[in-house]
Amino acid sequence: MASGNSGKLRELGAILSEKNVTLLPQSEFGVGDVAETGLSFVENALIKARHACVATSLPAIADDSGIEVDALNGEPGIYSARYAGVSGAHADVENNAKLLQQLEQVPEQDRTARFQCVIVYLRHEKDSMPLICQGTWEGRILLSSSGENGFGYDPLFYVPTHDCASAELDASVKNSISHRGQALQALLACWKSHP
């Protein structure tokens, strides 16, 4: 897995374990993160997967995901993880605080948003036909944080189908309906016919 994000690793690992696939983080191979210089989720996922393939000579899965807020013209989008310009342990708190501040004057009904996820699978570093799968999860941004589960923007993301924040969902429920869960289920379906 071309990621150092523990939340993503936990979610992807849980879903893949149901299919008898073991996910190994790139850190186990001494591989660090690569600069995400792409201008789309697809480009960034490909950059990360290729970096892991080059460093390990093994197949790689990479995920690039983020939240798009309509009132902010799709921001933070591909910059979701670094929206507040902070990295490390406090990034989620700072990113959520910035998002709430940016939406301070926006009424609740106009806070529509969606999580996007692209998952890429490369068989090797020169794979010219990578598997690319996508998932979208519609919702809206709450006025304040709610819930303790998940990571990232989960405490702010209202899930209309379950009438709660993503961070209030049980992990198995979230994994079955989330953007990442959808993308990964599509990837698993594609794997069956991929040489």
N, C-alpha and C. Protein backbone atom coordinates (compact mmCIF):
# COMPACT_ATOMS: atom_id res chain seq x y z
N MET A 1 0.84 -1.18 0.00
CA MET A 1 0.00 0.00 0.00
C MET A 1 0.88 1.23 0.00
N ALA A 2 0.72 2.06 -1.03
CA ALA A 2 1.53 3.27 -1.16
C ALA A 2 0.92 4.40 -0.34
N SER A 3 1.09 4.27 0.98
CA SER A 3 0.57 5.31 1.88
C SER A 3 1.20 5.17 3.25
N GLY A 4 1.28 6.29 3.94
CA GLY A 4 1.69 6.28 5.33
C GLY A 4 0.54 6.69 6.23
N ASN A 5 -0.64 6.89 5.64
CA ASN A 5 -1.82 7.34 6.38
C ASN A 5 -2.43 6.15 7.13
N SER A 6 -2.33 6.17 8.45
CA SER A 6 -2.78 5.02 9.26
C SER A 6 -4.29 4.80 9.12
N GLY A 7 -5.07 5.86 8.97
CA GLY A 7 -6.51 5.70 8.81
C GLY A 7 -6.87 4.98 7.52
N LYS A 8 -6.23 5.37 6.44
CA LYS A 8 -6.46 4.70 5.16
C LYS A 8 -6.02 3.25 5.22
N LEU A 9 -4.85 3.01 5.80
CA LEU A 9 -4.34 1.64 5.90
C LEU A 9 -5.30 0.76 6.70
N ARG A 10 -5.84 1.31 7.78
CA ARG A 10 -6.78 0.56 8.61
C ARG A 10 -8.04 0.20 7.81
N GLU A 11 -8.61 1.19 7.11
CA GLU A 11 -9.83 0.95 6.35
C GLU A 11 -9.61 -0.02 5.19
N LEU A 12 -8.57 0.22 4.41
CA LEU A 12 -8.30 -0.65 3.27
C LEU A 12 -7.93 -2.06 3.72
N GLY A 13 -7.14 -2.15 4.77
CA GLY A 13 -6.77 -3.46 5.30
C GLY A 13 -7.97 -4.26 5.77
N ALA A 14 -8.92 -3.58 6.43
CA ALA A 14 -10.13 -4.26 6.92
C ALA A 14 -10.96 -4.80 5.76
N ILE A 15 -11.12 -4.01 4.72
CA ILE A 15 -11.92 -4.44 3.57
C ILE A 15 -11.22 -5.57 2.82
N LEU A 16 -9.92 -5.44 2.60
CA LEU A 16 -9.17 -6.46 1.87
C LEU A 16 -9.04 -7.77 2.64
N SER A 17 -9.00 -7.69 3.96
CA SER A 17 -8.86 -8.91 4.76
C SER A 17 -10.07 -9.82 4.57
N GLU A 18 -11.24 -9.23 4.29
CA GLU A 18 -12.44 -10.03 4.03
C GLU A 18 -12.28 -10.86 2.76
N LYS A 19 -11.41 -10.42 1.86
CA LYS A 19 -11.18 -11.11 0.59
C LYS A 19 -9.89 -11.93 0.63
N ASN A 20 -9.34 -12.13 1.82
CA ASN A 20 -8.13 -12.93 1.99
C ASN A 20 -6.91 -12.31 1.31
N VAL A 21 -6.84 -10.97 1.34
CA VAL A 21 -5.70 -10.24 0.80
C VAL A 21 -5.04 -9.50 1.95
N THR A 22 -3.73 -9.63 2.07
CA THR A 22 -3.00 -8.93 3.12
C THR A 22 -2.35 -7.69 2.54
N LEU A 23 -2.59 -6.56 3.15
CA LEU A 23 -2.05 -5.29 2.70
C LEU A 23 -0.84 -4.93 3.54
N LEU A 24 0.29 -4.70 2.88
CA LEU A 24 1.52 -4.32 3.58
C LEU A 24 1.80 -2.84 3.32
N PRO A 25 1.95 -2.04 4.37
CA PRO A 25 2.25 -0.62 4.17
C PRO A 25 3.65 -0.43 3.61
N GLN A 26 3.81 0.63 2.82
CA GLN A 26 5.12 0.88 2.21
C GLN A 26 6.21 1.10 3.25
N SER A 27 5.83 1.51 4.45
CA SER A 27 6.83 1.73 5.51
C SER A 27 7.56 0.44 5.88
N GLU A 28 6.91 -0.72 5.68
CA GLU A 28 7.57 -2.00 5.96
C GLU A 28 8.76 -2.25 5.03
N PHE A 29 8.80 -1.52 3.93
CA PHE A 29 9.89 -1.66 2.96
C PHE A 29 10.82 -0.45 3.00
N GLY A 30 10.62 0.41 3.99
CA GLY A 30 11.45 1.61 4.11
C GLY A 30 11.16 2.66 3.06
N VAL A 31 9.97 2.62 2.50
CA VAL A 31 9.58 3.57 1.46
C VAL A 31 8.83 4.75 2.10
N GLY A 32 9.29 5.95 1.80
CA GLY A 32 8.64 7.15 2.31
C GLY A 32 7.61 7.68 1.32
N ASP A 33 6.91 8.73 1.73
CA ASP A 33 5.91 9.35 0.86
C ASP A 33 6.59 10.08 -0.29
N VAL A 34 5.87 10.24 -1.37
CA VAL A 34 6.34 10.97 -2.54
C VAL A 34 5.50 12.25 -2.66
N ALA A 35 6.06 13.29 -3.25
CA ALA A 35 5.32 14.54 -3.44
C ALA A 35 4.14 14.30 -4.38
N GLU A 36 2.97 14.76 -3.96
CA GLU A 36 1.76 14.62 -4.76
C GLU A 36 1.66 15.85 -5.66
N THR A 37 2.25 15.75 -6.84
CA THR A 37 2.35 16.89 -7.74
C THR A 37 1.28 16.89 -8.83
N GLY A 38 0.41 15.90 -8.81
CA GLY A 38 -0.66 15.82 -9.81
C GLY A 38 -1.73 16.88 -9.57
N LEU A 39 -2.57 17.05 -10.58
CA LEU A 39 -3.65 18.03 -10.48
C LEU A 39 -5.02 17.37 -10.39
N SER A 40 -5.01 16.06 -10.15
CA SER A 40 -6.26 15.32 -9.98
C SER A 40 -6.02 14.14 -9.04
N PHE A 41 -7.11 13.57 -8.54
CA PHE A 41 -7.00 12.39 -7.69
C PHE A 41 -6.34 11.25 -8.45
N VAL A 42 -6.69 11.09 -9.72
CA VAL A 42 -6.12 10.01 -10.54
C VAL A 42 -4.60 10.17 -10.67
N GLU A 43 -4.17 11.38 -11.02
CA GLU A 43 -2.73 11.61 -11.19
C GLU A 43 -1.96 11.34 -9.91
N ASN A 44 -2.48 11.82 -8.78
CA ASN A 44 -1.77 11.63 -7.51
C ASN A 44 -1.73 10.16 -7.11
N ALA A 45 -2.82 9.42 -7.35
CA ALA A 45 -2.81 7.99 -7.02
C ALA A 45 -1.79 7.25 -7.87
N LEU A 46 -1.71 7.60 -9.15
CA LEU A 46 -0.72 6.97 -10.04
C LEU A 46 0.71 7.29 -9.60
N ILE A 47 0.95 8.53 -9.22
CA ILE A 47 2.29 8.93 -8.75
C ILE A 47 2.69 8.10 -7.53
N LYS A 48 1.77 7.95 -6.58
CA LYS A 48 2.07 7.21 -5.35
C LYS A 48 2.30 5.72 -5.64
N ALA A 49 1.43 5.14 -6.47
CA ALA A 49 1.57 3.71 -6.77
C ALA A 49 2.88 3.43 -7.51
N ARG A 50 3.19 4.27 -8.49
CA ARG A 50 4.43 4.06 -9.26
C ARG A 50 5.65 4.21 -8.37
N HIS A 51 5.63 5.18 -7.47
CA HIS A 51 6.74 5.38 -6.53
C HIS A 51 6.97 4.12 -5.69
N ALA A 52 5.88 3.53 -5.20
CA ALA A 52 6.01 2.31 -4.39
C ALA A 52 6.52 1.14 -5.22
N CYS A 53 6.05 1.01 -6.46
CA CYS A 53 6.52 -0.06 -7.34
C CYS A 53 8.01 0.07 -7.61
N VAL A 54 8.46 1.28 -7.92
CA VAL A 54 9.87 1.51 -8.21
C VAL A 54 10.73 1.16 -7.00
N ALA A 55 10.28 1.57 -5.82
CA ALA A 55 11.06 1.36 -4.60
C ALA A 55 11.09 -0.09 -4.13
N THR A 56 10.03 -0.86 -4.43
CA THR A 56 9.94 -2.22 -3.88
C THR A 56 10.01 -3.33 -4.92
N SER A 57 9.83 -3.00 -6.19
CA SER A 57 9.71 -3.99 -7.27
C SER A 57 8.54 -4.93 -7.05
N LEU A 58 7.52 -4.45 -6.33
CA LEU A 58 6.31 -5.22 -6.06
C LEU A 58 5.10 -4.49 -6.62
N PRO A 59 3.98 -5.20 -6.83
CA PRO A 59 2.74 -4.52 -7.20
C PRO A 59 2.34 -3.54 -6.09
N ALA A 60 1.60 -2.50 -6.45
CA ALA A 60 1.20 -1.51 -5.44
C ALA A 60 -0.22 -1.03 -5.66
N ILE A 61 -0.85 -0.73 -4.54
CA ILE A 61 -2.16 -0.08 -4.52
C ILE A 61 -1.95 1.30 -3.91
N ALA A 62 -2.54 2.31 -4.53
CA ALA A 62 -2.49 3.65 -3.96
C ALA A 62 -3.88 4.25 -3.99
N ASP A 63 -4.16 5.05 -3.00
CA ASP A 63 -5.44 5.73 -2.89
C ASP A 63 -5.17 7.22 -2.86
N ASP A 64 -5.95 7.99 -3.58
CA ASP A 64 -5.94 9.43 -3.38
C ASP A 64 -7.39 9.84 -3.20
N SER A 65 -7.64 10.56 -2.16
CA SER A 65 -9.01 10.90 -1.83
C SER A 65 -9.07 12.26 -1.17
N GLY A 66 -10.26 12.78 -1.10
CA GLY A 66 -10.45 14.08 -0.46
C GLY A 66 -11.91 14.46 -0.46
N ILE A 67 -12.18 15.61 0.08
CA ILE A 67 -13.54 16.10 0.17
C ILE A 67 -13.70 17.33 -0.71
N GLU A 68 -14.81 17.38 -1.44
CA GLU A 68 -15.14 18.52 -2.29
C GLU A 68 -16.38 19.20 -1.72
N VAL A 69 -16.28 20.49 -1.48
CA VAL A 69 -17.39 21.25 -0.91
C VAL A 69 -17.91 22.21 -1.97
N ASP A 70 -19.18 22.08 -2.31
CA ASP A 70 -19.76 22.88 -3.39
C ASP A 70 -19.65 24.38 -3.14
N ALA A 71 -19.92 24.82 -1.92
CA ALA A 71 -19.87 26.25 -1.60
C ALA A 71 -18.46 26.82 -1.72
N LEU A 72 -17.45 25.95 -1.76
CA LEU A 72 -16.05 26.37 -1.90
C LEU A 72 -15.50 26.00 -3.28
N ASN A 73 -16.41 25.84 -4.25
CA ASN A 73 -16.01 25.49 -5.62
C ASN A 73 -15.15 24.23 -5.68
N GLY A 74 -15.50 23.25 -4.87
CA GLY A 74 -14.81 21.97 -4.89
C GLY A 74 -13.60 21.86 -3.99
N GLU A 75 -13.25 22.94 -3.29
CA GLU A 75 -12.14 22.86 -2.34
C GLU A 75 -12.58 22.07 -1.11
N PRO A 76 -11.65 21.48 -0.38
CA PRO A 76 -10.22 21.43 -0.60
C PRO A 76 -9.76 20.41 -1.65
N GLY A 77 -10.62 19.49 -2.07
CA GLY A 77 -10.29 18.57 -3.16
C GLY A 77 -9.00 17.81 -2.95
N ILE A 78 -8.10 17.87 -3.95
CA ILE A 78 -6.86 17.10 -3.86
C ILE A 78 -5.94 17.61 -2.76
N TYR A 79 -6.25 18.76 -2.21
CA TYR A 79 -5.42 19.33 -1.13
C TYR A 79 -6.02 19.06 0.25
N SER A 80 -6.99 18.17 0.34
CA SER A 80 -7.70 17.91 1.60
C SER A 80 -6.78 17.60 2.77
N ALA A 81 -5.79 16.75 2.56
CA ALA A 81 -4.90 16.33 3.66
C ALA A 81 -3.99 17.45 4.14
N ARG A 82 -3.77 18.43 3.29
CA ARG A 82 -2.87 19.53 3.65
C ARG A 82 -3.55 20.90 3.53
N TYR A 83 -4.86 20.90 3.71
CA TYR A 83 -5.68 22.10 3.54
C TYR A 83 -5.24 23.26 4.42
N ALA A 84 -4.91 22.97 5.66
CA ALA A 84 -4.50 24.02 6.60
C ALA A 84 -2.99 24.27 6.57
N GLY A 85 -2.27 23.56 5.71
CA GLY A 85 -0.83 23.75 5.62
C GLY A 85 -0.05 23.12 6.76
N VAL A 86 -0.68 22.16 7.42
CA VAL A 86 -0.07 21.50 8.58
C VAL A 86 0.02 20.00 8.28
N SER A 87 1.07 19.35 8.76
CA SER A 87 1.16 17.90 8.63
C SER A 87 1.39 17.31 10.02
N GLY A 88 1.28 16.00 10.09
CA GLY A 88 1.52 15.34 11.37
C GLY A 88 0.26 15.12 12.18
N ALA A 89 0.46 14.95 13.47
CA ALA A 89 -0.61 14.55 14.38
C ALA A 89 -1.78 15.53 14.46
N HIS A 90 -1.53 16.81 14.25
CA HIS A 90 -2.60 17.80 14.40
C HIS A 90 -3.25 18.20 13.08
N ALA A 91 -2.87 17.57 11.98
CA ALA A 91 -3.38 17.97 10.68
C ALA A 91 -4.90 17.87 10.59
N ASP A 92 -5.48 16.76 11.07
CA ASP A 92 -6.94 16.59 10.98
C ASP A 92 -7.67 17.71 11.72
N VAL A 93 -7.23 18.03 12.92
CA VAL A 93 -7.86 19.08 13.72
C VAL A 93 -7.77 20.42 13.01
N GLU A 94 -6.60 20.75 12.49
CA GLU A 94 -6.39 22.03 11.81
C GLU A 94 -7.18 22.10 10.50
N ASN A 95 -7.21 21.01 9.74
CA ASN A 95 -7.97 20.98 8.49
C ASN A 95 -9.45 21.18 8.75
N ASN A 96 -9.97 20.48 9.76
CA ASN A 96 -11.39 20.63 10.10
C ASN A 96 -11.70 22.04 10.56
N ALA A 97 -10.83 22.62 11.36
CA ALA A 97 -11.04 24.00 11.84
C ALA A 97 -11.06 24.97 10.66
N LYS A 98 -10.16 24.80 9.71
CA LYS A 98 -10.13 25.69 8.55
C LYS A 98 -11.39 25.55 7.72
N LEU A 99 -11.85 24.30 7.52
CA LEU A 99 -13.06 24.08 6.74
C LEU A 99 -14.26 24.76 7.40
N LEU A 100 -14.41 24.60 8.71
CA LEU A 100 -15.51 25.25 9.42
C LEU A 100 -15.42 26.77 9.30
N GLN A 101 -14.22 27.30 9.40
CA GLN A 101 -14.02 28.75 9.29
C GLN A 101 -14.41 29.24 7.89
N GLN A 102 -14.02 28.49 6.87
CA GLN A 102 -14.33 28.87 5.49
C GLN A 102 -15.83 28.84 5.21
N LEU A 103 -16.55 28.00 5.95
CA LEU A 103 -18.00 27.85 5.74
C LEU A 103 -18.83 28.60 6.78
N GLU A 104 -18.19 29.42 7.57
CA GLU A 104 -18.84 30.12 8.68
C GLU A 104 -20.13 30.83 8.27
N GLN A 105 -20.16 31.47 7.13
CA GLN A 105 -21.33 32.23 6.67
C GLN A 105 -22.27 31.43 5.77
N VAL A 106 -21.97 30.14 5.58
CA VAL A 106 -22.76 29.32 4.66
C VAL A 106 -23.81 28.55 5.45
N PRO A 107 -25.11 28.73 5.11
CA PRO A 107 -26.16 28.01 5.84
C PRO A 107 -26.06 26.50 5.63
N GLU A 108 -26.59 25.75 6.58
CA GLU A 108 -26.45 24.29 6.58
C GLU A 108 -26.93 23.65 5.28
N GLN A 109 -28.05 24.11 4.73
CA GLN A 109 -28.59 23.49 3.52
C GLN A 109 -27.69 23.71 2.29
N ASP A 110 -26.80 24.68 2.37
CA ASP A 110 -25.90 24.97 1.24
C ASP A 110 -24.50 24.38 1.43
N ARG A 111 -24.35 23.48 2.40
CA ARG A 111 -23.04 22.90 2.69
C ARG A 111 -22.87 21.52 2.06
N THR A 112 -23.45 21.32 0.89
CA THR A 112 -23.35 20.03 0.22
C THR A 112 -21.89 19.72 -0.11
N ALA A 113 -21.55 18.45 0.00
CA ALA A 113 -20.17 18.02 -0.19
C ALA A 113 -20.15 16.55 -0.55
N ARG A 114 -18.98 16.12 -0.99
CA ARG A 114 -18.81 14.70 -1.27
C ARG A 114 -17.36 14.30 -1.04
N PHE A 115 -17.20 13.09 -0.58
CA PHE A 115 -15.87 12.49 -0.53
C PHE A 115 -15.64 11.82 -1.88
N GLN A 116 -14.44 12.00 -2.42
CA GLN A 116 -14.04 11.31 -3.64
C GLN A 116 -12.86 10.40 -3.31
N CYS A 117 -12.79 9.27 -3.98
CA CYS A 117 -11.66 8.36 -3.80
C CYS A 117 -11.31 7.71 -5.13
N VAL A 118 -10.05 7.70 -5.44
CA VAL A 118 -9.54 6.95 -6.59
C VAL A 118 -8.51 5.96 -6.05
N ILE A 119 -8.68 4.70 -6.41
CA ILE A 119 -7.72 3.66 -6.04
C ILE A 119 -7.10 3.13 -7.32
N VAL A 120 -5.77 3.04 -7.31
CA VAL A 120 -5.01 2.57 -8.47
C VAL A 120 -4.24 1.31 -8.07
N TYR A 121 -4.22 0.35 -8.97
CA TYR A 121 -3.42 -0.86 -8.78
C TYR A 121 -2.45 -0.98 -9.96
N LEU A 122 -1.17 -1.03 -9.65
CA LEU A 122 -0.12 -1.23 -10.66
C LEU A 122 0.53 -2.59 -10.43
N ARG A 123 0.65 -3.38 -11.47
CA ARG A 123 1.30 -4.68 -11.35
C ARG A 123 2.81 -4.52 -11.23
N HIS A 124 3.35 -3.48 -11.86
CA HIS A 124 4.78 -3.18 -11.83
C HIS A 124 4.95 -1.73 -12.25
N GLU A 125 6.17 -1.20 -12.12
CA GLU A 125 6.39 0.23 -12.34
C GLU A 125 6.11 0.70 -13.76
N LYS A 126 6.18 -0.20 -14.76
CA LYS A 126 5.93 0.19 -16.15
C LYS A 126 4.56 -0.27 -16.64
N ASP A 127 3.68 -0.62 -15.73
CA ASP A 127 2.34 -1.07 -16.07
C ASP A 127 1.62 0.02 -16.87
N SER A 128 1.35 -0.26 -18.14
CA SER A 128 0.69 0.73 -19.00
C SER A 128 -0.83 0.64 -18.94
N MET A 129 -1.35 -0.36 -18.24
CA MET A 129 -2.80 -0.53 -18.09
C MET A 129 -3.15 -0.73 -16.62
N PRO A 130 -2.95 0.30 -15.80
CA PRO A 130 -3.29 0.15 -14.38
C PRO A 130 -4.80 0.04 -14.19
N LEU A 131 -5.18 -0.61 -13.12
CA LEU A 131 -6.59 -0.60 -12.73
C LEU A 131 -6.84 0.71 -11.99
N ILE A 132 -7.87 1.42 -12.39
CA ILE A 132 -8.23 2.68 -11.75
C ILE A 132 -9.71 2.62 -11.42
N CYS A 133 -10.03 2.70 -10.13
CA CYS A 133 -11.41 2.62 -9.68
C CYS A 133 -11.74 3.82 -8.80
N GLN A 134 -13.01 4.23 -8.85
CA GLN A 134 -13.41 5.46 -8.18
C GLN A 134 -14.67 5.25 -7.37
N GLY A 135 -14.79 5.99 -6.26
CA GLY A 135 -15.99 5.98 -5.45
C GLY A 135 -16.33 7.39 -5.00
N THR A 136 -17.62 7.68 -4.88
CA THR A 136 -18.11 8.99 -4.43
C THR A 136 -19.13 8.79 -3.33
N TRP A 137 -19.05 9.62 -2.29
CA TRP A 137 -19.95 9.52 -1.14
C TRP A 137 -20.54 10.91 -0.89
N GLU A 138 -21.82 11.08 -1.15
CA GLU A 138 -22.49 12.37 -1.03
C GLU A 138 -22.95 12.64 0.40
N GLY A 139 -22.86 13.92 0.79
CA GLY A 139 -23.32 14.34 2.11
C GLY A 139 -23.28 15.84 2.23
N ARG A 140 -23.05 16.33 3.44
CA ARG A 140 -22.87 17.77 3.64
C ARG A 140 -22.02 18.01 4.88
N ILE A 141 -21.54 19.22 5.01
CA ILE A 141 -20.67 19.58 6.12
C ILE A 141 -21.51 20.09 7.28
N LEU A 142 -21.30 19.50 8.45
CA LEU A 142 -22.01 19.91 9.66
C LEU A 142 -21.52 21.26 10.16
N LEU A 143 -22.25 21.84 11.10
CA LEU A 143 -21.86 23.11 11.70
C LEU A 143 -20.76 22.93 12.74
N SER A 144 -20.64 21.71 13.28
CA SER A 144 -19.60 21.42 14.26
C SER A 144 -19.30 19.92 14.22
N SER A 145 -18.18 19.53 14.81
CA SER A 145 -17.75 18.13 14.82
C SER A 145 -18.68 17.26 15.63
N SER A 146 -18.78 15.99 15.21
CA SER A 146 -19.60 15.03 15.92
C SER A 146 -19.02 13.63 15.71
N GLY A 147 -18.84 12.89 16.80
CA GLY A 147 -18.35 11.52 16.70
C GLY A 147 -16.86 11.38 16.92
N GLU A 148 -16.45 10.16 17.24
CA GLU A 148 -15.05 9.87 17.58
C GLU A 148 -14.39 8.86 16.64
N ASN A 149 -15.16 8.25 15.74
CA ASN A 149 -14.60 7.23 14.86
C ASN A 149 -14.02 7.86 13.60
N GLY A 150 -13.27 7.07 12.86
CA GLY A 150 -12.75 7.54 11.59
C GLY A 150 -11.56 8.47 11.74
N PHE A 151 -11.35 9.28 10.71
CA PHE A 151 -10.21 10.20 10.68
C PHE A 151 -10.53 11.29 9.67
N GLY A 152 -9.63 12.24 9.54
CA GLY A 152 -9.81 13.30 8.55
C GLY A 152 -11.06 14.13 8.81
N TYR A 153 -11.88 14.27 7.79
CA TYR A 153 -13.08 15.10 7.86
C TYR A 153 -14.31 14.33 8.35
N ASP A 154 -14.14 13.08 8.76
CA ASP A 154 -15.27 12.26 9.21
C ASP A 154 -16.16 12.94 10.26
N PRO A 155 -15.61 13.67 11.25
CA PRO A 155 -16.48 14.30 12.25
C PRO A 155 -17.35 15.43 11.69
N LEU A 156 -17.02 15.94 10.51
CA LEU A 156 -17.78 17.04 9.92
C LEU A 156 -18.71 16.59 8.79
N PHE A 157 -18.56 15.34 8.33
CA PHE A 157 -19.29 14.88 7.15
C PHE A 157 -20.59 14.20 7.56
N TYR A 158 -21.70 14.86 7.25
CA TYR A 158 -23.03 14.33 7.56
C TYR A 158 -23.45 13.33 6.49
N VAL A 159 -23.89 12.16 6.94
CA VAL A 159 -24.32 11.07 6.05
C VAL A 159 -25.84 11.00 6.08
N PRO A 160 -26.52 11.54 5.06
CA PRO A 160 -27.99 11.59 5.08
C PRO A 160 -28.67 10.23 5.24
N THR A 161 -28.11 9.20 4.62
CA THR A 161 -28.73 7.86 4.69
C THR A 161 -28.75 7.28 6.09
N HIS A 162 -27.86 7.77 6.97
CA HIS A 162 -27.77 7.24 8.33
C HIS A 162 -28.03 8.32 9.39
N ASP A 163 -28.32 9.54 8.94
CA ASP A 163 -28.66 10.66 9.81
C ASP A 163 -27.63 10.86 10.94
N CYS A 164 -26.35 10.85 10.55
CA CYS A 164 -25.28 11.08 11.53
C CYS A 164 -24.01 11.47 10.80
N ALA A 165 -23.02 11.85 11.57
CA ALA A 165 -21.70 12.12 10.99
C ALA A 165 -21.01 10.80 10.65
N SER A 166 -20.13 10.85 9.69
CA SER A 166 -19.34 9.67 9.34
C SER A 166 -18.59 9.14 10.55
N ALA A 167 -18.13 10.04 11.41
CA ALA A 167 -17.37 9.64 12.60
C ALA A 167 -18.24 8.97 13.66
N GLU A 168 -19.56 8.92 13.45
CA GLU A 168 -20.46 8.23 14.37
C GLU A 168 -20.83 6.84 13.87
N LEU A 169 -20.38 6.50 12.68
CA LEU A 169 -20.68 5.19 12.11
C LEU A 169 -19.72 4.13 12.63
N ASP A 170 -20.21 2.93 12.78
CA ASP A 170 -19.36 1.79 13.07
C ASP A 170 -18.45 1.58 11.86
N ALA A 171 -17.22 1.16 12.09
CA ALA A 171 -16.24 1.01 11.01
C ALA A 171 -16.75 0.10 9.89
N SER A 172 -17.42 -0.98 10.24
CA SER A 172 -17.89 -1.91 9.20
C SER A 172 -18.98 -1.27 8.34
N VAL A 173 -19.83 -0.44 8.96
CA VAL A 173 -20.87 0.26 8.19
C VAL A 173 -20.22 1.28 7.27
N LYS A 174 -19.30 2.06 7.83
CA LYS A 174 -18.61 3.06 7.01
C LYS A 174 -17.90 2.40 5.83
N ASN A 175 -17.19 1.32 6.06
CA ASN A 175 -16.46 0.64 5.00
C ASN A 175 -17.37 0.12 3.90
N SER A 176 -18.62 -0.15 4.23
CA SER A 176 -19.55 -0.69 3.23
C SER A 176 -20.18 0.39 2.37
N ILE A 177 -20.19 1.66 2.83
CA ILE A 177 -20.88 2.71 2.07
C ILE A 177 -19.99 3.88 1.66
N SER A 178 -18.80 3.96 2.20
CA SER A 178 -17.94 5.13 1.96
C SER A 178 -17.38 5.16 0.54
N HIS A 179 -16.83 6.31 0.18
CA HIS A 179 -16.15 6.49 -1.10
C HIS A 179 -15.01 5.49 -1.27
N ARG A 180 -14.25 5.27 -0.20
CA ARG A 180 -13.11 4.34 -0.25
C ARG A 180 -13.62 2.90 -0.36
N GLY A 181 -14.66 2.58 0.37
CA GLY A 181 -15.26 1.25 0.29
C GLY A 181 -15.78 0.95 -1.10
N GLN A 182 -16.45 1.94 -1.71
CA GLN A 182 -16.98 1.77 -3.07
C GLN A 182 -15.85 1.54 -4.07
N ALA A 183 -14.81 2.37 -3.98
CA ALA A 183 -13.68 2.26 -4.91
C ALA A 183 -12.98 0.91 -4.75
N LEU A 184 -12.83 0.48 -3.52
CA LEU A 184 -12.13 -0.78 -3.27
C LEU A 184 -12.96 -1.97 -3.73
N GLN A 185 -14.27 -1.92 -3.55
CA GLN A 185 -15.13 -3.01 -4.04
C GLN A 185 -15.05 -3.09 -5.57
N ALA A 186 -15.00 -1.94 -6.23
CA ALA A 186 -14.85 -1.92 -7.69
C ALA A 186 -13.51 -2.52 -8.09
N LEU A 187 -12.46 -2.19 -7.34
CA LEU A 187 -11.14 -2.74 -7.63
C LEU A 187 -11.13 -4.26 -7.47
N LEU A 188 -11.74 -4.75 -6.42
CA LEU A 188 -11.79 -6.19 -6.20
C LEU A 188 -12.53 -6.89 -7.33
N ALA A 189 -13.59 -6.28 -7.81
CA ALA A 189 -14.36 -6.86 -8.93
C ALA A 189 -13.49 -6.88 -10.19
N CYS A 190 -12.73 -5.81 -10.43
CA CYS A 190 -11.88 -5.73 -11.62
C CYS A 190 -10.71 -6.73 -11.54
N TRP A 191 -10.20 -6.96 -10.33
CA TRP A 191 -9.07 -7.89 -10.16
C TRP A 191 -9.36 -9.26 -10.73
N LYS A 192 -10.61 -9.68 -10.64
CA LYS A 192 -10.97 -11.03 -11.07
C LYS A 192 -10.66 -11.26 -12.55
N SER A 193 -10.77 -10.20 -13.36
CA SER A 193 -10.53 -10.35 -14.79
C SER A 193 -9.22 -9.71 -15.24
N HIS A 194 -8.41 -9.25 -14.30
CA HIS A 194 -7.17 -8.57 -14.65
C HIS A 194 -6.03 -9.59 -14.68
N PRO A 195 -5.26 -9.64 -15.79
CA PRO A 195 -4.19 -10.64 -15.88
C PRO A 195 -3.06 -10.37 -14.88
